[in-house]
């Protein structure tokens, strides 16, 4: 049965009749809507909704985008992404067209329906063990990104994703940034798997735990670096090539899947303020799990660790976890958000 959440006329940002591409709310709302379009495409496929019964098209057509290509998983044949082209008519009222994208590549998150659930969960587990880059779905996605960028240039392309799809977009953006190609990326509820420190109410306890974690992580990183130097291995700062790339992160403090990003970035400033920023600059590039994997000979770069970001936090209270983790929150006209730019 079709969900109201896939019906644009019931759940979409109908208030955005004209898009101002310099407006942060408009940019966020359109990017989130295009990601929702991928969810609707996959659910249309599974429920065999075609023609007038299909719900997906309004999610991009309302904003004058055209669907160029569906990205299909080679394992379960599910639609996990889409490539859109912006094609406004001459009569369409839009502002600052130069600030908008020509193409958007969007990735959905986990769909809890039979035809895709097992494959999506498999990929969720790959994220936890920092192995998403080894999957065929990511290979299909990154190849699509490379092809579009090679054709039209990185300044004309946006990437967007939600949850599992945000991890895909983040990894694609990081992969391109390492080659000097910086793409605008919108990451909604991107996974950050770690101890749930952000859920601790006492700020002093939370800060103390983060300091302890930073000291331990930095210590392990120094030990691993010393071992590599003893083996005549050249030490490389993994954040150096990425520091100028600034993805847009959108998180909800009530969503434990992504909320650790809040403390991850705020903690850096606090460590600088108390004079031990050097320790944090080492710790922020590493995770204890990744260092342990490296120590046993399995190189594992943590996907979620990034040097810089424009972090937007949704301060609007959520009724439950489903709402806090959902994509629909990001185009609400009454959204109360706080944004901060963090540079490495």
C-alpha atoms as a PDB file:
ATOM      1  CA  UNK A   1       0.000   0.000   0.000  1.00  0.00           C
ATOM      2  CA  UNK A   2       1.353   3.440  -0.910  1.00  0.00           C
ATOM      3  CA  UNK A   3       2.594   5.614   1.939  1.00  0.00           C
ATOM      4  CA  UNK A   4       1.482   9.217   2.470  1.00  0.00           C
ATOM      5  CA  UNK A   5       5.150  10.007   3.056  1.00  0.00           C
ATOM      6  CA  UNK A   6       5.863   9.249  -0.622  1.00  0.00           C
ATOM      7  CA  UNK A   7       2.986  11.441  -1.817  1.00  0.00           C
ATOM      8  CA  UNK A   8       4.432  14.867  -2.648  1.00  0.00           C
ATOM      9  CA  UNK A   9       1.018  16.538  -2.481  1.00  0.00           C
ATOM     10  CA  UNK A  10       0.676  15.409   1.146  1.00  0.00           C
ATOM     11  CA  UNK A  11       4.268  15.473   2.444  1.00  0.00           C
ATOM     12  CA  UNK A  12       6.384  17.605   0.108  1.00  0.00           C
ATOM     13  CA  UNK A  13       7.565  21.233   0.444  1.00  0.00           C
ATOM     14  CA  UNK A  14       4.682  22.770  -1.477  1.00  0.00           C
ATOM     15  CA  UNK A  15       5.613  26.192  -0.086  1.00  0.00           C
ATOM     16  CA  UNK A  16       8.728  26.326  -2.309  1.00  0.00           C
ATOM     17  CA  UNK A  17       7.017  27.611  -5.453  1.00  0.00           C
ATOM     18  CA  UNK A  18      10.153  29.593  -6.376  1.00  0.00           C
ATOM     19  CA  UNK A  19      13.654  28.514  -5.423  1.00  0.00           C
ATOM     20  CA  UNK A  20      16.310  31.003  -4.344  1.00  0.00           C
ATOM     21  CA  UNK A  21      19.551  29.057  -4.708  1.00  0.00           C
ATOM     22  CA  UNK A  22      21.348  31.446  -2.345  1.00  0.00           C
ATOM     23  CA  UNK A  23      18.872  30.587   0.435  1.00  0.00           C
ATOM     24  CA  UNK A  24      20.179  27.804   2.712  1.00  0.00           C
ATOM     25  CA  UNK A  25      16.664  26.552   3.527  1.00  0.00           C
ATOM     26  CA  UNK A  26      15.765  26.315  -0.158  1.00  0.00           C
ATOM     27  CA  UNK A  27      18.987  24.487  -1.060  1.00  0.00           C
ATOM     28  CA  UNK A  28      18.540  22.034   1.818  1.00  0.00           C
ATOM     29  CA  UNK A  29      14.864  21.441   1.005  1.00  0.00           C
ATOM     30  CA  UNK A  30      15.473  20.734  -2.681  1.00  0.00           C
ATOM     31  CA  UNK A  31      18.405  18.403  -1.966  1.00  0.00           C
ATOM     32  CA  UNK A  32      16.344  16.477   0.612  1.00  0.00           C
ATOM     33  CA  UNK A  33      13.375  16.268  -1.765  1.00  0.00           C
ATOM     34  CA  UNK A  34      15.545  14.765  -4.508  1.00  0.00           C
ATOM     35  CA  UNK A  35      16.755  12.126  -2.040  1.00  0.00           C
ATOM     36  CA  UNK A  36      13.128  11.405  -1.126  1.00  0.00           C
ATOM     37  CA  UNK A  37      12.505  10.982  -4.842  1.00  0.00           C
ATOM     38  CA  UNK A  38      14.912   8.014  -4.834  1.00  0.00           C
ATOM     39  CA  UNK A  39      13.055   6.429  -1.902  1.00  0.00           C
ATOM     40  CA  UNK A  40       9.788   6.854  -3.813  1.00  0.00           C
ATOM     41  CA  UNK A  41      11.322   5.396  -6.991  1.00  0.00           C
ATOM     42  CA  UNK A  42      12.321   2.231  -5.158  1.00  0.00           C
ATOM     43  CA  UNK A  43       8.985   1.865  -3.385  1.00  0.00           C
ATOM     44  CA  UNK A  44       7.165   2.450  -6.690  1.00  0.00           C
ATOM     45  CA  UNK A  45       9.264  -0.375  -8.159  1.00  0.00           C
ATOM     46  CA  UNK A  46       8.552  -2.782  -5.317  1.00  0.00           C
ATOM     47  CA  UNK A  47       4.825  -2.017  -5.261  1.00  0.00           C
ATOM     48  CA  UNK A  48       4.616  -2.073  -9.077  1.00  0.00           C
ATOM     49  CA  UNK A  49       3.213   1.460  -9.190  1.00  0.00           C
ATOM     50  CA  UNK A  50       3.550   2.803 -12.703  1.00  0.00           C
ATOM     51  CA  UNK A  51       2.126   5.611 -14.826  1.00  0.00           C
ATOM     52  CA  UNK A  52      -0.487   7.680 -12.975  1.00  0.00           C
ATOM     53  CA  UNK A  53      -0.130   5.433  -9.890  1.00  0.00           C
ATOM     54  CA  UNK A  54       3.599   6.199  -9.441  1.00  0.00           C
ATOM     55  CA  UNK A  55       4.424   8.674  -6.670  1.00  0.00           C
ATOM     56  CA  UNK A  56       8.073   9.484  -7.364  1.00  0.00           C
ATOM     57  CA  UNK A  57       8.010  12.033 -10.205  1.00  0.00           C
ATOM     58  CA  UNK A  58       6.669  15.114  -8.359  1.00  0.00           C
ATOM     59  CA  UNK A  59       9.628  15.029  -5.960  1.00  0.00           C
ATOM     60  CA  UNK A  60      11.890  16.311  -8.740  1.00  0.00           C
ATOM     61  CA  UNK A  61       9.474  17.719 -11.327  1.00  0.00           C
ATOM     62  CA  UNK A  62       8.109  20.285  -8.836  1.00  0.00           C
ATOM     63  CA  UNK A  63      11.587  21.868  -8.824  1.00  0.00           C
ATOM     64  CA  UNK A  64      12.053  21.536 -12.600  1.00  0.00           C
ATOM     65  CA  UNK A  65      14.467  18.625 -12.529  1.00  0.00           C
ATOM     66  CA  UNK A  66      14.410  15.726 -14.950  1.00  0.00           C
ATOM     67  CA  UNK A  67      15.366  12.152 -14.099  1.00  0.00           C
ATOM     68  CA  UNK A  68      18.322  11.242 -16.315  1.00  0.00           C
ATOM     69  CA  UNK A  69      19.205   7.828 -14.914  1.00  0.00           C
ATOM     70  CA  UNK A  70      18.347   5.431 -12.121  1.00  0.00           C
ATOM     71  CA  UNK A  71      21.256   3.825 -10.272  1.00  0.00           C
ATOM     72  CA  UNK A  72      20.491   0.129  -9.789  1.00  0.00           C
ATOM     73  CA  UNK A  73      22.176  -2.267  -7.379  1.00  0.00           C
ATOM     74  CA  UNK A  74      23.731  -5.246  -9.162  1.00  0.00           C
ATOM     75  CA  UNK A  75      22.880  -7.645  -6.327  1.00  0.00           C
ATOM     76  CA  UNK A  76      19.157  -7.102  -5.659  1.00  0.00           C
ATOM     77  CA  UNK A  77      18.216  -4.838  -8.609  1.00  0.00           C
ATOM     78  CA  UNK A  78      16.919  -2.164  -6.233  1.00  0.00           C
ATOM     79  CA  UNK A  79      17.070   1.520  -7.166  1.00  0.00           C
ATOM     80  CA  UNK A  80      19.533   3.114  -4.723  1.00  0.00           C
ATOM     81  CA  UNK A  81      20.266   6.395  -6.483  1.00  0.00           C
ATOM     82  CA  UNK A  82      19.320   8.780  -9.244  1.00  0.00           C
ATOM     83  CA  UNK A  83      20.949  11.366 -11.483  1.00  0.00           C
ATOM     84  CA  UNK A  84      18.842  14.486 -11.997  1.00  0.00           C
ATOM     85  CA  UNK A  85      19.328  17.379 -14.410  1.00  0.00           C
ATOM     86  CA  UNK A  86      18.006  20.853 -13.658  1.00  0.00           C
ATOM     87  CA  UNK A  87      15.920  22.060 -16.614  1.00  0.00           C
ATOM     88  CA  UNK A  88      13.900  25.150 -15.639  1.00  0.00           C
ATOM     89  CA  UNK A  89      11.559  26.612 -18.217  1.00  0.00           C
ATOM     90  CA  UNK A  90      12.087  30.202 -19.335  1.00  0.00           C
ATOM     91  CA  UNK A  91       8.921  31.250 -17.503  1.00  0.00           C
ATOM     92  CA  UNK A  92       9.928  29.630 -14.204  1.00  0.00           C
ATOM     93  CA  UNK A  93      10.605  32.201 -11.481  1.00  0.00           C
ATOM     94  CA  UNK A  94      13.963  31.371  -9.941  1.00  0.00           C
ATOM     95  CA  UNK A  95      16.647  33.373  -8.200  1.00  0.00           C
ATOM     96  CA  UNK A  96      20.425  33.202  -8.495  1.00  0.00           C
ATOM     97  CA  UNK A  97      20.511  30.403 -11.029  1.00  0.00           C
ATOM     98  CA  UNK A  98      24.314  30.457 -11.008  1.00  0.00           C
ATOM     99  CA  UNK A  99      24.286  29.274  -7.362  1.00  0.00           C
ATOM    100  CA  UNK A 100      22.227  26.187  -8.168  1.00  0.00           C
ATOM    101  CA  UNK A 101      23.288  22.814  -9.551  1.00  0.00           C
ATOM    102  CA  UNK A 102      23.038  21.582 -13.097  1.00  0.00           C
ATOM    103  CA  UNK A 103      23.053  17.975 -11.951  1.00  0.00           C
ATOM    104  CA  UNK A 104      22.262  16.288  -8.634  1.00  0.00           C
ATOM    105  CA  UNK A 105      23.228  12.707  -7.806  1.00  0.00           C
ATOM    106  CA  UNK A 106      21.121  11.475  -4.898  1.00  0.00           C
ATOM    107  CA  UNK A 107      21.291   8.294  -2.797  1.00  0.00           C
ATOM    108  CA  UNK A 108      18.558   6.852  -0.611  1.00  0.00           C
ATOM    109  CA  UNK A 109      18.961   5.155   2.746  1.00  0.00           C
ATOM    110  CA  UNK A 110      17.661   1.808   3.979  1.00  0.00           C
ATOM    111  CA  UNK A 111      14.221   0.792   2.697  1.00  0.00           C
ATOM    112  CA  UNK A 112      12.477  -1.559   5.120  1.00  0.00           C
ATOM    113  CA  UNK A 113      10.660  -3.580   2.482  1.00  0.00           C
ATOM    114  CA  UNK A 114      11.348  -7.215   1.517  1.00  0.00           C
ATOM    115  CA  UNK A 115      12.955  -6.717  -1.901  1.00  0.00           C
ATOM    116  CA  UNK A 116      15.730  -4.453  -0.607  1.00  0.00           C
ATOM    117  CA  UNK A 117      15.999  -4.850   3.166  1.00  0.00           C
ATOM    118  CA  UNK A 118      18.607  -7.635   3.341  1.00  0.00           C
ATOM    119  CA  UNK A 119      20.947  -5.901   0.883  1.00  0.00           C
ATOM    120  CA  UNK A 120      20.554  -2.534   2.625  1.00  0.00           C
ATOM    121  CA  UNK A 121      21.310  -4.073   6.032  1.00  0.00           C
ATOM    122  CA  UNK A 122      24.363  -5.782   4.558  1.00  0.00           C
ATOM    123  CA  UNK A 123      25.611  -2.368   3.419  1.00  0.00           C
ATOM    124  CA  UNK A 124      24.794  -0.826   6.817  1.00  0.00           C
ATOM    125  CA  UNK A 125      27.098  -3.433   8.364  1.00  0.00           C
ATOM    126  CA  UNK A 126      29.798  -2.519   5.840  1.00  0.00           C
ATOM    127  CA  UNK A 127      29.572   1.075   7.120  1.00  0.00           C
ATOM    128  CA  UNK A 128      30.122  -0.070  10.713  1.00  0.00           C
ATOM    129  CA  UNK A 129      33.272  -1.958   9.759  1.00  0.00           C
ATOM    130  CA  UNK A 130      34.491   0.805   7.397  1.00  0.00           C
ATOM    131  CA  UNK A 131      34.109  -1.415   4.351  1.00  0.00           C
ATOM    132  CA  UNK A 132      31.576   0.477   2.220  1.00  0.00           C
ATOM    133  CA  UNK A 133      34.286   1.293  -0.336  1.00  0.00           C
ATOM    134  CA  UNK A 134      34.630  -2.441  -1.086  1.00  0.00           C
ATOM    135  CA  UNK A 135      30.992  -2.904  -2.147  1.00  0.00           C
ATOM    136  CA  UNK A 136      29.681  -3.092  -5.701  1.00  0.00           C
ATOM    137  CA  UNK A 137      26.929  -0.564  -4.910  1.00  0.00           C
ATOM    138  CA  UNK A 138      29.515   2.060  -4.018  1.00  0.00           C
ATOM    139  CA  UNK A 139      31.512   1.227  -7.141  1.00  0.00           C
ATOM    140  CA  UNK A 140      28.417   1.848  -9.283  1.00  0.00           C
ATOM    141  CA  UNK A 141      27.764   5.106  -7.433  1.00  0.00           C
ATOM    142  CA  UNK A 142      31.299   6.510  -7.600  1.00  0.00           C
ATOM    143  CA  UNK A 143      31.575   5.653 -11.283  1.00  0.00           C
ATOM    144  CA  UNK A 144      28.385   7.616 -11.938  1.00  0.00           C
ATOM    145  CA  UNK A 145      29.831  10.576 -10.008  1.00  0.00           C
ATOM    146  CA  UNK A 146      33.104  10.438 -11.946  1.00  0.00           C
ATOM    147  CA  UNK A 147      31.291  10.283 -15.277  1.00  0.00           C
ATOM    148  CA  UNK A 148      29.049  13.273 -14.556  1.00  0.00           C
ATOM    149  CA  UNK A 149      31.909  15.365 -13.142  1.00  0.00           C
ATOM    150  CA  UNK A 150      34.098  14.531 -16.130  1.00  0.00           C
ATOM    151  CA  UNK A 151      31.319  15.697 -18.451  1.00  0.00           C
ATOM    152  CA  UNK A 152      30.122  18.915 -16.783  1.00  0.00           C
ATOM    153  CA  UNK A 153      32.720  19.812 -14.111  1.00  0.00           C
ATOM    154  CA  UNK A 154      32.514  19.570 -10.324  1.00  0.00           C
ATOM    155  CA  UNK A 155      31.087  23.086  -9.837  1.00  0.00           C
ATOM    156  CA  UNK A 156      27.899  22.014 -11.624  1.00  0.00           C
ATOM    157  CA  UNK A 157      27.272  18.878  -9.549  1.00  0.00           C
ATOM    158  CA  UNK A 158      25.720  18.273  -6.141  1.00  0.00           C
ATOM    159  CA  UNK A 159      25.714  15.010  -4.200  1.00  0.00           C
ATOM    160  CA  UNK A 160      22.987  14.296  -1.663  1.00  0.00           C
ATOM    161  CA  UNK A 161      22.092  11.341   0.525  1.00  0.00           C
ATOM    162  CA  UNK A 162      20.216  10.266   3.633  1.00  0.00           C
ATOM    163  CA  UNK A 163      21.386   7.742   6.248  1.00  0.00           C
ATOM    164  CA  UNK A 164      22.996   4.868   4.292  1.00  0.00           C
ATOM    165  CA  UNK A 165      22.759   7.134   1.237  1.00  0.00           C
ATOM    166  CA  UNK A 166      24.540   9.913   3.150  1.00  0.00           C
ATOM    167  CA  UNK A 167      27.376   7.478   3.832  1.00  0.00           C
ATOM    168  CA  UNK A 168      27.493   6.772   0.082  1.00  0.00           C
ATOM    169  CA  UNK A 169      27.567  10.489  -0.760  1.00  0.00           C
ATOM    170  CA  UNK A 170      30.170  11.187   1.925  1.00  0.00           C
ATOM    171  CA  UNK A 171      32.457   8.436   0.705  1.00  0.00           C
ATOM    172  CA  UNK A 172      32.046   9.574  -2.905  1.00  0.00           C
ATOM    173  CA  UNK A 173      32.775  13.168  -1.928  1.00  0.00           C
ATOM    174  CA  UNK A 174      35.849  12.152   0.101  1.00  0.00           C
ATOM    175  CA  UNK A 175      37.106   9.967  -2.722  1.00  0.00           C
ATOM    176  CA  UNK A 176      36.838  12.834  -5.212  1.00  0.00           C
ATOM    177  CA  UNK A 177      38.311  15.375  -2.745  1.00  0.00           C
ATOM    178  CA  UNK A 178      41.437  13.249  -2.368  1.00  0.00           C
ATOM    179  CA  UNK A 179      42.084  13.885  -6.066  1.00  0.00           C
ATOM    180  CA  UNK A 180      41.523  17.632  -5.678  1.00  0.00           C
ATOM    181  CA  UNK A 181      37.918  17.637  -6.945  1.00  0.00           C
ATOM    182  CA  UNK A 182      35.633  19.321  -4.404  1.00  0.00           C
ATOM    183  CA  UNK A 183      31.910  18.673  -4.867  1.00  0.00           C
ATOM    184  CA  UNK A 184      29.036  20.277  -2.961  1.00  0.00           C
ATOM    185  CA  UNK A 185      27.614  17.509  -0.764  1.00  0.00           C
ATOM    186  CA  UNK A 186      24.421  17.431   1.341  1.00  0.00           C
ATOM    187  CA  UNK A 187      24.503  14.744   4.028  1.00  0.00           C
ATOM    188  CA  UNK A 188      21.262  14.112   5.915  1.00  0.00           C
ATOM    189  CA  UNK A 189      21.495  12.030   9.119  1.00  0.00           C
ATOM    190  CA  UNK A 190      24.844  10.587   8.084  1.00  0.00           C
ATOM    191  CA  UNK A 191      25.922   7.646  10.296  1.00  0.00           C
ATOM    192  CA  UNK A 192      28.556   8.246  12.977  1.00  0.00           C
ATOM    193  CA  UNK A 193      29.039   4.989  14.847  1.00  0.00           C
ATOM    194  CA  UNK A 194      30.804   5.430  18.188  1.00  0.00           C
ATOM    195  CA  UNK A 195      30.110   5.358  21.916  1.00  0.00           C
ATOM    196  CA  UNK A 196      26.902   7.406  22.489  1.00  0.00           C
ATOM    197  CA  UNK A 197      28.603  10.177  24.460  1.00  0.00           C
ATOM    198  CA  UNK A 198      26.314  12.856  23.052  1.00  0.00           C
ATOM    199  CA  UNK A 199      23.344  11.252  24.829  1.00  0.00           C
ATOM    200  CA  UNK A 200      24.874  11.887  28.268  1.00  0.00           C
ATOM    201  CA  UNK A 201      23.040  14.833  29.836  1.00  0.00           C
ATOM    202  CA  UNK A 202      25.797  16.045  32.180  1.00  0.00           C
ATOM    203  CA  UNK A 203      28.056  18.340  30.128  1.00  0.00           C
ATOM    204  CA  UNK A 204      31.055  17.928  32.450  1.00  0.00           C
ATOM    205  CA  UNK A 205      30.890  14.140  32.284  1.00  0.00           C
ATOM    206  CA  UNK A 206      30.450  14.311  28.516  1.00  0.00           C
ATOM    207  CA  UNK A 207      33.440  16.641  28.128  1.00  0.00           C
ATOM    208  CA  UNK A 208      35.577  14.510  30.447  1.00  0.00           C
ATOM    209  CA  UNK A 209      34.830  11.358  28.488  1.00  0.00           C
ATOM    210  CA  UNK A 210      35.674  13.065  25.210  1.00  0.00           C
ATOM    211  CA  UNK A 211      39.013  14.312  26.591  1.00  0.00           C
ATOM    212  CA  UNK A 212      39.853  10.805  27.827  1.00  0.00           C
ATOM    213  CA  UNK A 213      38.871   9.317  24.476  1.00  0.00           C
ATOM    214  CA  UNK A 214      40.995  11.883  22.612  1.00  0.00           C
ATOM    215  CA  UNK A 215      44.064  11.183  24.763  1.00  0.00           C
ATOM    216  CA  UNK A 216      43.724   7.410  24.292  1.00  0.00           C
ATOM    217  CA  UNK A 217      43.084   7.709  20.542  1.00  0.00           C
ATOM    218  CA  UNK A 218      46.003  10.132  20.055  1.00  0.00           C
ATOM    219  CA  UNK A 219      48.275   7.848  22.081  1.00  0.00           C
ATOM    220  CA  UNK A 220      47.402   4.849  19.948  1.00  0.00           C
ATOM    221  CA  UNK A 221      47.857   6.936  16.792  1.00  0.00           C
ATOM    222  CA  UNK A 222      51.311   8.103  17.907  1.00  0.00           C
ATOM    223  CA  UNK A 223      52.289   4.505  18.671  1.00  0.00           C
ATOM    224  CA  UNK A 224      51.053   3.318  15.276  1.00  0.00           C
ATOM    225  CA  UNK A 225      52.907   6.151  13.532  1.00  0.00           C
ATOM    226  CA  UNK A 226      56.118   5.321  15.385  1.00  0.00           C
ATOM    227  CA  UNK A 227      55.824   1.706  14.303  1.00  0.00           C
ATOM    228  CA  UNK A 228      55.357   2.750  10.676  1.00  0.00           C
ATOM    229  CA  UNK A 229      58.342   5.092  10.862  1.00  0.00           C
ATOM    230  CA  UNK A 230      60.448   2.260  12.214  1.00  0.00           C
ATOM    231  CA  UNK A 231      59.414   0.273   9.172  1.00  0.00           C
ATOM    232  CA  UNK A 232      60.553   3.161   6.928  1.00  0.00           C
ATOM    233  CA  UNK A 233      56.980   3.947   5.952  1.00  0.00           C
ATOM    234  CA  UNK A 234      56.295   7.538   4.913  1.00  0.00           C
ATOM    235  CA  UNK A 235      53.853   9.253   7.289  1.00  0.00           C
ATOM    236  CA  UNK A 236      50.964  10.993   5.515  1.00  0.00           C
ATOM    237  CA  UNK A 237      48.345  13.269   7.081  1.00  0.00           C
ATOM    238  CA  UNK A 238      45.058  11.786   5.770  1.00  0.00           C
ATOM    239  CA  UNK A 239      43.251  15.075   6.422  1.00  0.00           C
ATOM    240  CA  UNK A 240      45.672  17.278   4.472  1.00  0.00           C
ATOM    241  CA  UNK A 241      44.073  16.750   1.051  1.00  0.00           C
ATOM    242  CA  UNK A 242      40.557  16.996   2.485  1.00  0.00           C
ATOM    243  CA  UNK A 243      40.767  20.082   4.706  1.00  0.00           C
ATOM    244  CA  UNK A 244      39.523  22.542   2.037  1.00  0.00           C
ATOM    245  CA  UNK A 245      36.501  20.370   1.198  1.00  0.00           C
ATOM    246  CA  UNK A 246      33.481  21.420   3.271  1.00  0.00           C
ATOM    247  CA  UNK A 247      30.456  19.097   3.052  1.00  0.00           C
ATOM    248  CA  UNK A 248      27.103  20.184   4.485  1.00  0.00           C
ATOM    249  CA  UNK A 249      26.039  17.950   7.387  1.00  0.00           C
ATOM    250  CA  UNK A 250      22.485  17.905   8.724  1.00  0.00           C
ATOM    251  CA  UNK A 251      21.943  16.165  12.059  1.00  0.00           C
ATOM    252  CA  UNK A 252      19.296  15.842  14.740  1.00  0.00           C
ATOM    253  CA  UNK A 253      20.435  15.562  18.383  1.00  0.00           C
ATOM    254  CA  UNK A 254      17.635  13.036  19.042  1.00  0.00           C
ATOM    255  CA  UNK A 255      18.975  10.733  16.319  1.00  0.00           C
ATOM    256  CA  UNK A 256      21.687   8.544  17.870  1.00  0.00           C
ATOM    257  CA  UNK A 257      22.801   7.392  14.406  1.00  0.00           C
ATOM    258  CA  UNK A 258      24.158  10.836  13.491  1.00  0.00           C
ATOM    259  CA  UNK A 259      24.178  12.952  16.674  1.00  0.00           C
ATOM    260  CA  UNK A 260      27.819  12.204  17.575  1.00  0.00           C
ATOM    261  CA  UNK A 261      28.850  14.615  14.822  1.00  0.00           C
ATOM    262  CA  UNK A 262      27.763  17.440  17.156  1.00  0.00           C
ATOM    263  CA  UNK A 263      30.275  16.510  19.853  1.00  0.00           C
ATOM    264  CA  UNK A 264      32.910  15.512  17.291  1.00  0.00           C
ATOM    265  CA  UNK A 265      33.162  19.072  15.976  1.00  0.00           C
ATOM    266  CA  UNK A 266      32.359  21.008  19.187  1.00  0.00           C
ATOM    267  CA  UNK A 267      35.010  19.053  21.088  1.00  0.00           C
ATOM    268  CA  UNK A 268      37.770  20.267  18.755  1.00  0.00           C
ATOM    269  CA  UNK A 269      37.112  23.889  19.688  1.00  0.00           C
ATOM    270  CA  UNK A 270      36.991  23.065  23.406  1.00  0.00           C
ATOM    271  CA  UNK A 271      40.313  21.246  23.195  1.00  0.00           C
ATOM    272  CA  UNK A 272      41.847  24.287  21.495  1.00  0.00           C
ATOM    273  CA  UNK A 273      40.388  26.557  24.182  1.00  0.00           C
ATOM    274  CA  UNK A 274      42.079  24.596  26.994  1.00  0.00           C
ATOM    275  CA  UNK A 275      45.402  24.428  25.173  1.00  0.00           C
ATOM    276  CA  UNK A 276      45.544  20.819  24.039  1.00  0.00           C
ATOM    277  CA  UNK A 277      44.329  21.226  20.492  1.00  0.00           C
ATOM    278  CA  UNK A 278      47.388  19.379  19.159  1.00  0.00           C
ATOM    279  CA  UNK A 279      46.188  16.159  20.807  1.00  0.00           C
ATOM    280  CA  UNK A 280      42.730  16.580  19.319  1.00  0.00           C
ATOM    281  CA  UNK A 281      44.113  17.253  15.840  1.00  0.00           C
ATOM    282  CA  UNK A 282      45.630  13.778  15.949  1.00  0.00           C
ATOM    283  CA  UNK A 283      42.632  12.121  17.621  1.00  0.00           C
ATOM    284  CA  UNK A 284      40.090  13.629  15.234  1.00  0.00           C
ATOM    285  CA  UNK A 285      41.708  11.831  12.285  1.00  0.00           C
ATOM    286  CA  UNK A 286      41.507   8.407  13.914  1.00  0.00           C
ATOM    287  CA  UNK A 287      39.133   6.021  15.584  1.00  0.00           C
ATOM    288  CA  UNK A 288      40.142   3.408  18.146  1.00  0.00           C
ATOM    289  CA  UNK A 289      38.510   0.695  16.033  1.00  0.00           C
ATOM    290  CA  UNK A 290      40.377   1.797  12.924  1.00  0.00           C
ATOM    291  CA  UNK A 291      43.701   1.869  14.775  1.00  0.00           C
ATOM    292  CA  UNK A 292      43.137  -1.635  16.141  1.00  0.00           C
ATOM    293  CA  UNK A 293      42.276  -2.920  12.660  1.00  0.00           C
ATOM    294  CA  UNK A 294      45.421  -1.254  11.320  1.00  0.00           C
ATOM    295  CA  UNK A 295      47.522  -2.848  14.067  1.00  0.00           C
ATOM    296  CA  UNK A 296      46.450  -6.330  12.982  1.00  0.00           C
ATOM    297  CA  UNK A 297      47.244  -5.569   9.362  1.00  0.00           C
ATOM    298  CA  UNK A 298      43.809  -4.529   8.101  1.00  0.00           C
ATOM    299  CA  UNK A 299      43.929  -0.916   6.958  1.00  0.00           C
ATOM    300  CA  UNK A 300      40.570   0.671   7.700  1.00  0.00           C
ATOM    301  CA  UNK A 301      39.952   4.386   7.166  1.00  0.00           C
ATOM    302  CA  UNK A 302      36.932   5.505   9.215  1.00  0.00           C
ATOM    303  CA  UNK A 303      34.335   6.812   6.778  1.00  0.00           C
ATOM    304  CA  UNK A 304      32.701   9.228   9.210  1.00  0.00           C
ATOM    305  CA  UNK A 305      35.832  11.195  10.159  1.00  0.00           C
ATOM    306  CA  UNK A 306      36.119  14.428   8.165  1.00  0.00           C
ATOM    307  CA  UNK A 307      38.286  17.513   8.702  1.00  0.00           C
ATOM    308  CA  UNK A 308      35.778  20.275   7.891  1.00  0.00           C
ATOM    309  CA  UNK A 309      32.020  20.676   7.630  1.00  0.00           C
ATOM    310  CA  UNK A 310      29.155  23.110   7.632  1.00  0.00           C
ATOM    311  CA  UNK A 311      27.148  21.490  10.447  1.00  0.00           C
ATOM    312  CA  UNK A 312      23.420  22.216  10.714  1.00  0.00           C
ATOM    313  CA  UNK A 313      21.607  20.921  13.803  1.00  0.00           C
ATOM    314  CA  UNK A 314      17.818  20.628  13.898  1.00  0.00           C
ATOM    315  CA  UNK A 315      16.764  22.048  17.284  1.00  0.00           C
ATOM    316  CA  UNK A 316      13.054  21.428  16.650  1.00  0.00           C
ATOM    317  CA  UNK A 317      11.818  18.766  19.124  1.00  0.00           C
ATOM    318  CA  UNK A 318      11.098  15.360  17.532  1.00  0.00           C
ATOM    319  CA  UNK A 319       8.240  13.126  18.620  1.00  0.00           C
ATOM    320  CA  UNK A 320      10.257   9.932  18.289  1.00  0.00           C
ATOM    321  CA  UNK A 321      13.388   8.414  16.755  1.00  0.00           C
ATOM    322  CA  UNK A 322      11.637   7.774  13.437  1.00  0.00           C
ATOM    323  CA  UNK A 323      10.950  11.485  13.020  1.00  0.00           C
ATOM    324  CA  UNK A 324      14.419  12.478  14.263  1.00  0.00           C
ATOM    325  CA  UNK A 325      16.083  10.197  11.696  1.00  0.00           C
ATOM    326  CA  UNK A 326      13.657  10.889   8.854  1.00  0.00           C
ATOM    327  CA  UNK A 327      14.341  12.864   5.686  1.00  0.00           C
ATOM    328  CA  UNK A 328      11.038  14.797   5.834  1.00  0.00           C
ATOM    329  CA  UNK A 329      12.165  17.042   8.696  1.00  0.00           C
ATOM    330  CA  UNK A 330      14.652  18.846   6.487  1.00  0.00           C
ATOM    331  CA  UNK A 331      12.152  20.780   4.374  1.00  0.00           C
ATOM    332  CA  UNK A 332       9.787  21.885   7.147  1.00  0.00           C
ATOM    333  CA  UNK A 333       9.203  25.655   6.777  1.00  0.00           C
ATOM    334  CA  UNK A 334       9.186  26.148  10.578  1.00  0.00           C
ATOM    335  CA  UNK A 335      12.472  24.326  11.160  1.00  0.00           C
ATOM    336  CA  UNK A 336      14.588  25.742  14.012  1.00  0.00           C
ATOM    337  CA  UNK A 337      18.203  25.114  13.028  1.00  0.00           C
ATOM    338  CA  UNK A 338      21.645  26.173  14.195  1.00  0.00           C
ATOM    339  CA  UNK A 339      24.513  26.166  11.720  1.00  0.00           C
ATOM    340  CA  UNK A 340      28.256  26.356  12.365  1.00  0.00           C
ATOM    341  CA  UNK A 341      31.213  26.204  10.022  1.00  0.00           C
ATOM    342  CA  UNK A 342      34.063  24.032  11.275  1.00  0.00           C
ATOM    343  CA  UNK A 343      37.404  24.185   9.491  1.00  0.00           C
ATOM    344  CA  UNK A 344      40.305  21.879  10.221  1.00  0.00           C
END
